[in-house]
Amino acid sequence: MSDSTWVYITISLEGQNSAGGLLADYGAELDLNLDGRGDLLVMAAKPGNAWSTDGVHVWTDSNNDVGAAHPIQSDPPSNTDGYNTVVFNQGVGSDPDAAWARISPTDPKSVQIAFKNSLTKNAGSYMWGAWAMDDSMLHPDWFDFNDHFSLAQAGSPLIEDTQNYPLKALAEVDNTCRWVVGFTPTGNEPGICPVPATPTPKPTQTPIKPGTISGTVYNNGINGGLSYNASISHGKSGITVTVRSGNCSSPGSVKGTATTNSSGYYSFTLPAGTYCVSAAAPSTHTGPKTVNLPNGGNVNNVNFFYYEYLG
């Protein structure tokens, strides 16, 4: 993280020397213009438990040749001079407080490095990656290592790479992919760590709300037909109305029954769906009706009629 003056970096290690302490060199490489070439190398050697400039160095590349002809890619043999200018040497430099380091007070396997934003010329955005190495490999002029050593010289950690396994010249060196400060990565930046894919938003699930199906069963008397007639139609109590799942062309299981009240009225409260409603009226009566009930909606006037036929 950073503030207006300082940048703070914590590098956590998987292992630790059996004797305790962090006895190697640890640091960060910054790519200030996002071209794949490192521009600033901050390294701390054998940090102690308190903030100190002891063992802390900062190098820059004055001729922009870190990475050789093709940044990130391997270009051995290379005649480049890597990081060739010391700008901070354990408290010596234009700013004697430019960079500090210590072992984390909460994790003995983590080193904390702090350096001033002025070292980056107050760059608002850049990439950085971590390094850890034995003293014997701290050669800023060898950067990038994959340009200084061929694959055969460097070796490989992959046991399936039978031609180059195990690690050789680079056995005492470890590094990370790069991450960003001050912007959101696209995944196409040189040396960038894999950018997690943006998850596809799940569609918002519509809350399920119950609705109602209601109506009236009418008695139209003798030869009254199967439609409403104000002069003869009157609601009939005690009629059983049944609702089943699905279309009436192929109805499913019974979802409920209701008995009409003194006005012939009935009502069902149901989740959204397609239903088949029927009335068990005597004599000649209206047949089952298919009803599509919307979520939280109401379907009214699902009415049924019956009459006694005398011919």
Protein backbone atom coordinates (compact mmCIF):
# COMPACT_ATOMS: atom_id res chain seq x y z
CA MET A 1 0.00 0.00 0.00
CA SER A 2 1.05 3.66 -0.22
CA ASP A 3 0.31 7.12 1.07
CA SER A 4 1.38 10.49 -0.27
CA THR A 5 4.97 9.95 0.93
CA TRP A 6 5.64 6.24 1.38
CA VAL A 7 5.04 2.92 -0.34
CA TYR A 8 4.86 -0.15 1.94
CA ILE A 9 5.43 -3.68 0.67
CA THR A 10 5.21 -6.96 2.60
CA ILE A 11 6.83 -10.07 1.12
CA SER A 12 5.74 -13.33 2.78
CA LEU A 13 7.93 -16.42 2.47
CA GLU A 14 6.88 -20.06 2.62
CA GLY A 15 9.98 -21.29 4.44
CA GLN A 16 12.48 -19.99 6.96
CA ASN A 17 16.10 -20.69 7.77
CA SER A 18 16.34 -23.23 10.57
CA ALA A 19 18.58 -20.80 12.45
CA GLY A 20 15.82 -18.20 12.39
CA GLY A 21 15.71 -14.77 10.84
CA LEU A 22 15.58 -13.77 7.19
CA LEU A 23 19.15 -14.35 6.03
CA ALA A 24 18.87 -13.65 2.31
CA ASP A 25 18.04 -10.62 0.13
CA TYR A 26 14.46 -9.54 -0.47
CA GLY A 27 12.95 -6.80 -2.53
CA ALA A 28 10.73 -5.40 -5.21
CA GLU A 29 11.21 -4.57 -8.88
CA LEU A 30 9.07 -1.76 -10.27
CA ASP A 31 8.03 -1.26 -13.88
CA LEU A 32 7.05 2.41 -13.91
CA ASN A 33 5.97 2.76 -17.54
CA LEU A 34 4.35 -0.68 -17.97
CA ASP A 35 6.63 -1.69 -20.85
CA GLY A 36 7.81 -4.95 -19.27
CA ARG A 37 11.24 -3.53 -18.38
CA GLY A 38 11.98 -2.97 -14.71
CA ASP A 39 12.94 0.60 -13.86
CA LEU A 40 13.64 0.44 -10.12
CA LEU A 41 15.06 -2.35 -7.95
CA VAL A 42 14.71 -2.07 -4.15
CA MET A 43 16.49 -4.80 -2.17
CA ALA A 44 16.96 -5.42 1.56
CA ALA A 45 19.69 -7.76 2.77
CA LYS A 46 19.22 -9.69 6.03
CA PRO A 47 16.64 -7.34 7.57
CA GLY A 48 16.40 -7.05 11.33
CA ASN A 49 13.46 -6.68 13.65
CA ALA A 50 13.49 -2.87 13.66
CA TRP A 51 13.09 -0.45 10.77
CA SER A 52 16.55 0.29 9.39
CA THR A 53 18.34 1.44 6.26
CA ASP A 54 21.10 -1.10 6.89
CA GLY A 55 21.41 -3.52 3.99
CA VAL A 56 18.88 -1.58 1.89
CA HIS A 57 19.88 -0.60 -1.67
CA VAL A 58 18.03 0.92 -4.60
CA TRP A 59 19.19 0.70 -8.22
CA THR A 60 17.88 2.19 -11.44
CA ASP A 61 18.49 1.41 -15.09
CA SER A 62 19.96 4.49 -16.77
CA ASN A 63 19.96 3.12 -20.33
CA ASN A 64 16.65 1.18 -20.36
CA ASP A 65 18.21 -2.18 -21.20
CA VAL A 66 16.75 -4.35 -18.42
CA GLY A 67 15.01 -7.14 -20.27
CA ALA A 68 17.39 -6.98 -23.25
CA ALA A 69 15.87 -6.97 -26.74
CA HIS A 70 12.55 -8.52 -25.68
CA PRO A 71 11.29 -7.69 -22.17
CA ILE A 72 10.00 -10.64 -20.14
CA GLN A 73 11.22 -13.10 -22.80
CA SER A 74 14.53 -14.93 -22.56
CA ASP A 75 17.29 -13.44 -24.77
CA PRO A 76 20.59 -15.08 -23.77
CA PRO A 77 23.39 -14.37 -24.16
CA SER A 78 22.87 -10.71 -23.34
CA ASN A 79 25.50 -7.97 -23.12
CA THR A 80 23.23 -5.60 -21.19
CA ASP A 81 24.27 -4.08 -17.86
CA GLY A 82 20.82 -4.28 -16.18
CA TYR A 83 20.42 -2.03 -13.16
CA ASN A 84 23.58 0.02 -13.40
CA THR A 85 23.05 3.03 -11.14
CA VAL A 86 22.91 3.01 -7.33
CA VAL A 87 20.61 5.77 -6.07
CA PHE A 88 20.42 4.64 -2.44
CA ASN A 89 23.09 2.77 -0.48
CA GLN A 90 22.17 2.01 3.14
CA GLY A 91 21.30 5.58 4.01
CA VAL A 92 23.60 7.23 1.50
CA GLY A 93 22.01 9.08 -1.38
CA SER A 94 20.23 12.29 -2.21
CA ASP A 95 17.66 11.30 0.44
CA PRO A 96 19.20 9.35 3.36
CA ASP A 97 15.72 8.14 4.40
CA ALA A 98 14.57 6.97 0.97
CA ALA A 99 14.15 3.26 1.83
CA TRP A 100 13.87 1.10 4.96
CA ALA A 101 13.23 -2.54 5.83
CA ARG A 102 12.45 -4.82 8.76
CA ILE A 103 11.08 -8.26 9.62
CA SER A 104 7.34 -8.05 10.20
CA PRO A 105 6.58 -7.78 13.93
CA THR A 106 3.58 -10.10 13.43
CA ASP A 107 5.13 -12.70 11.10
CA PRO A 108 8.78 -13.79 11.33
CA LYS A 109 8.58 -15.14 7.74
CA SER A 110 7.63 -11.79 6.20
CA VAL A 111 9.83 -8.82 5.34
CA GLN A 112 8.42 -5.31 5.17
CA ILE A 113 9.97 -2.72 2.87
CA ALA A 114 9.13 0.98 2.83
CA PHE A 115 10.37 3.46 0.25
CA LYS A 116 9.44 6.99 -0.62
CA ASN A 117 7.24 7.82 -3.55
CA SER A 118 9.94 10.24 -4.65
CA LEU A 119 12.01 7.24 -5.82
CA THR A 120 9.30 6.55 -8.41
CA LYS A 121 9.08 10.25 -9.26
CA ASN A 122 5.64 10.04 -7.65
CA ALA A 123 4.34 7.71 -10.35
CA GLY A 124 0.63 7.25 -9.83
CA SER A 125 0.50 3.83 -11.45
CA TYR A 126 3.01 1.05 -12.05
CA MET A 127 3.57 -2.70 -11.77
CA TRP A 128 5.75 -4.47 -9.24
CA GLY A 129 7.00 -7.96 -8.49
CA ALA A 130 8.87 -9.49 -5.54
CA TRP A 131 12.32 -11.07 -5.44
CA ALA A 132 14.15 -13.27 -2.92
CA MET A 133 17.72 -14.50 -3.44
CA ASP A 134 20.94 -15.60 -1.82
CA ASP A 135 23.71 -13.00 -1.46
CA SER A 136 25.70 -14.75 -4.18
CA MET A 137 22.95 -14.00 -6.70
CA LEU A 138 22.42 -10.32 -5.89
CA HIS A 139 23.80 -8.94 -9.15
CA PRO A 140 21.62 -6.03 -10.32
CA ASP A 141 23.59 -5.97 -13.57
CA TRP A 142 22.35 -9.50 -14.40
CA PHE A 143 18.72 -8.43 -14.71
CA ASP A 144 16.73 -9.92 -16.24
CA PHE A 145 18.14 -13.27 -15.11
CA ASN A 146 16.51 -15.04 -18.05
CA ASP A 147 18.65 -12.89 -20.36
CA HIS A 148 21.86 -13.55 -18.41
CA PHE A 149 21.46 -17.36 -18.20
CA SER A 150 20.36 -19.81 -20.84
CA LEU A 151 17.72 -22.36 -19.86
CA ALA A 152 20.37 -25.05 -19.70
CA GLN A 153 22.42 -22.91 -17.29
CA ALA A 154 19.47 -21.79 -15.19
CA GLY A 155 17.87 -25.23 -14.88
CA SER A 156 14.20 -25.97 -14.39
CA PRO A 157 12.03 -26.80 -11.36
CA LEU A 158 9.82 -29.01 -13.53
CA ILE A 159 10.71 -32.66 -13.15
CA GLU A 160 9.05 -33.41 -16.49
CA ASP A 161 11.60 -31.12 -18.16
CA THR A 162 14.13 -33.94 -18.14
CA GLN A 163 16.63 -31.98 -20.25
CA ASN A 164 16.98 -29.07 -17.81
CA TYR A 165 15.79 -30.38 -14.41
CA PRO A 166 16.74 -29.56 -11.67
CA LEU A 167 17.36 -25.86 -11.01
CA LYS A 168 21.02 -24.97 -11.39
CA ALA A 169 22.25 -21.38 -11.53
CA LEU A 170 18.92 -20.03 -10.34
CA ALA A 171 18.44 -22.49 -7.48
CA GLU A 172 18.90 -19.67 -4.97
CA VAL A 173 16.56 -17.22 -6.70
CA ASP A 174 12.80 -16.85 -6.48
CA ASN A 175 10.43 -14.22 -7.80
CA THR A 176 6.77 -13.51 -8.43
CA CYS A 177 4.66 -12.34 -11.30
CA ARG A 178 3.81 -8.65 -11.23
CA TRP A 179 0.85 -6.84 -9.75
CA VAL A 180 -0.36 -3.31 -10.14
CA VAL A 181 -0.59 -0.06 -8.21
CA GLY A 182 -2.96 2.73 -9.18
CA PHE A 183 -5.01 1.05 -11.91
CA THR A 184 -7.11 -1.98 -12.73
CA PRO A 185 -5.19 -4.57 -14.80
CA THR A 186 -6.59 -5.95 -18.03
CA GLY A 187 -4.47 -9.11 -17.95
CA ASN A 188 -2.46 -8.05 -21.01
CA GLU A 189 0.25 -6.15 -19.13
CA PRO A 190 3.72 -7.74 -19.53
CA GLY A 191 4.57 -10.07 -16.68
CA ILE A 192 1.21 -9.56 -14.98
CA CYS A 193 -0.15 -12.14 -12.58
CA PRO A 194 -3.23 -13.98 -13.89
CA VAL A 195 -6.21 -11.67 -13.59
CA PRO A 196 -9.23 -13.47 -12.15
CA ALA A 197 -12.12 -13.58 -14.58
CA THR A 198 -15.00 -11.32 -13.77
CA PRO A 199 -17.83 -13.61 -12.70
CA THR A 200 -20.96 -13.44 -14.78
CA PRO A 201 -23.61 -11.79 -12.64
CA LYS A 202 -26.36 -14.16 -11.71
CA PRO A 203 -29.78 -13.00 -12.83
CA THR A 204 -31.75 -11.49 -10.03
CA GLN A 205 -34.28 -14.01 -8.88
CA THR A 206 -37.80 -12.64 -8.77
CA PRO A 207 -39.27 -13.21 -5.33
CA ILE A 208 -42.07 -15.74 -5.44
CA LYS A 209 -45.32 -14.09 -4.36
CA PRO A 210 -48.63 -15.93 -4.03
CA GLY A 211 -51.64 -14.90 -6.10
CA THR A 212 -55.34 -15.67 -6.09
CA ILE A 213 -57.81 -17.41 -8.37
CA SER A 214 -61.43 -16.59 -7.50
CA GLY A 215 -64.93 -16.65 -8.91
CA THR A 216 -68.58 -17.53 -8.34
CA VAL A 217 -70.64 -20.61 -9.05
CA TYR A 218 -74.09 -19.57 -10.34
CA ASN A 219 -77.36 -21.52 -10.42
CA ASN A 220 -79.38 -20.49 -13.50
CA GLY A 221 -82.40 -22.56 -12.58
CA ILE A 222 -84.35 -24.56 -15.18
CA ASN A 223 -83.20 -24.25 -18.78
CA GLY A 224 -81.25 -21.12 -17.81
CA GLY A 225 -78.17 -21.71 -19.94
CA LEU A 226 -74.49 -21.36 -19.03
CA SER A 227 -73.99 -17.60 -19.03
CA TYR A 228 -74.73 -14.82 -16.62
CA ASN A 229 -78.25 -13.41 -16.66
CA ALA A 230 -79.06 -10.85 -14.00
CA SER A 231 -82.67 -11.93 -13.79
CA ILE A 232 -82.03 -15.61 -13.16
CA SER A 233 -78.37 -16.13 -12.09
CA HIS A 234 -77.72 -16.34 -8.37
CA GLY A 235 -74.72 -17.63 -6.44
CA LYS A 236 -74.99 -21.13 -5.09
CA SER A 237 -73.45 -22.13 -1.77
CA GLY A 238 -71.98 -25.52 -0.92
CA ILE A 239 -70.49 -26.28 -4.36
CA THR A 240 -67.06 -27.91 -4.34
CA VAL A 241 -64.45 -26.23 -6.58
CA THR A 242 -61.21 -28.07 -7.31
CA VAL A 243 -57.89 -26.74 -8.62
CA ARG A 244 -55.28 -28.99 -10.24
CA SER A 245 -51.82 -28.26 -11.60
CA GLY A 246 -51.33 -27.84 -15.33
CA ASN A 247 -53.52 -27.26 -18.34
CA CYS A 248 -57.03 -28.72 -18.40
CA SER A 249 -56.10 -30.70 -21.51
CA SER A 250 -53.87 -32.78 -19.24
CA PRO A 251 -54.43 -31.78 -15.61
CA GLY A 252 -52.10 -32.89 -12.85
CA SER A 253 -52.45 -33.38 -9.13
CA VAL A 254 -55.02 -31.64 -6.96
CA LYS A 255 -53.64 -28.44 -5.45
CA GLY A 256 -56.68 -27.54 -3.40
CA THR A 257 -60.47 -27.61 -2.96
CA ALA A 258 -62.85 -24.94 -1.80
CA THR A 259 -66.56 -24.81 -0.99
CA THR A 260 -68.56 -21.83 -2.17
CA ASN A 261 -69.98 -19.52 0.48
CA SER A 262 -73.54 -18.25 0.78
CA SER A 263 -72.98 -15.97 -2.25
CA GLY A 264 -71.49 -18.77 -4.36
CA TYR A 265 -67.99 -17.25 -4.05
CA TYR A 266 -64.74 -19.25 -3.82
CA SER A 267 -61.04 -18.34 -3.75
CA PHE A 268 -57.63 -20.06 -3.90
CA THR A 269 -54.23 -18.63 -2.88
CA LEU A 270 -51.50 -20.21 -5.04
CA PRO A 271 -48.00 -19.61 -6.40
CA ALA A 272 -47.63 -18.49 -10.01
CA GLY A 273 -48.37 -21.20 -12.55
CA THR A 274 -50.92 -22.82 -14.83
CA TYR A 275 -53.91 -24.45 -13.19
CA CYS A 276 -57.11 -26.29 -14.12
CA VAL A 277 -60.16 -25.16 -12.13
CA SER A 278 -63.42 -27.10 -12.12
CA ALA A 279 -66.73 -26.95 -10.23
CA ALA A 280 -68.61 -30.07 -9.16
CA ALA A 281 -72.01 -28.53 -9.85
CA PRO A 282 -75.11 -30.69 -10.35
CA SER A 283 -76.87 -31.14 -13.68
CA THR A 284 -75.60 -29.34 -16.79
CA HIS A 285 -72.61 -27.13 -15.90
CA THR A 286 -69.64 -25.19 -17.19
CA GLY A 287 -66.60 -27.40 -17.86
CA PRO A 288 -63.08 -27.03 -16.40
CA LYS A 289 -61.18 -23.80 -17.10
CA THR A 290 -57.42 -23.36 -17.63
CA VAL A 291 -56.04 -20.37 -15.68
CA ASN A 292 -52.57 -18.82 -15.99
CA LEU A 293 -51.78 -17.17 -12.65
CA PRO A 294 -48.94 -14.56 -12.74
CA ASN A 295 -46.49 -14.11 -9.88
CA GLY A 296 -48.31 -12.18 -7.16
CA GLY A 297 -51.27 -11.60 -9.47
CA ASN A 298 -54.99 -12.14 -9.21
CA VAL A 299 -57.29 -13.84 -11.70
CA ASN A 300 -60.90 -13.00 -10.83
CA ASN A 301 -64.26 -13.98 -12.27
CA VAL A 302 -63.37 -17.58 -13.02
CA ASN A 303 -67.09 -18.29 -12.89
CA PHE A 304 -69.09 -21.46 -13.36
CA PHE A 305 -72.79 -21.91 -14.23
CA TYR A 306 -75.19 -24.79 -14.02
CA TYR A 307 -78.87 -25.40 -14.72
CA GLU A 308 -81.42 -28.19 -14.77
CA TYR A 309 -82.59 -29.12 -18.26
CA LEU A 310 -86.26 -29.88 -18.85
CA GLY A 311 -87.13 -30.44 -22.50
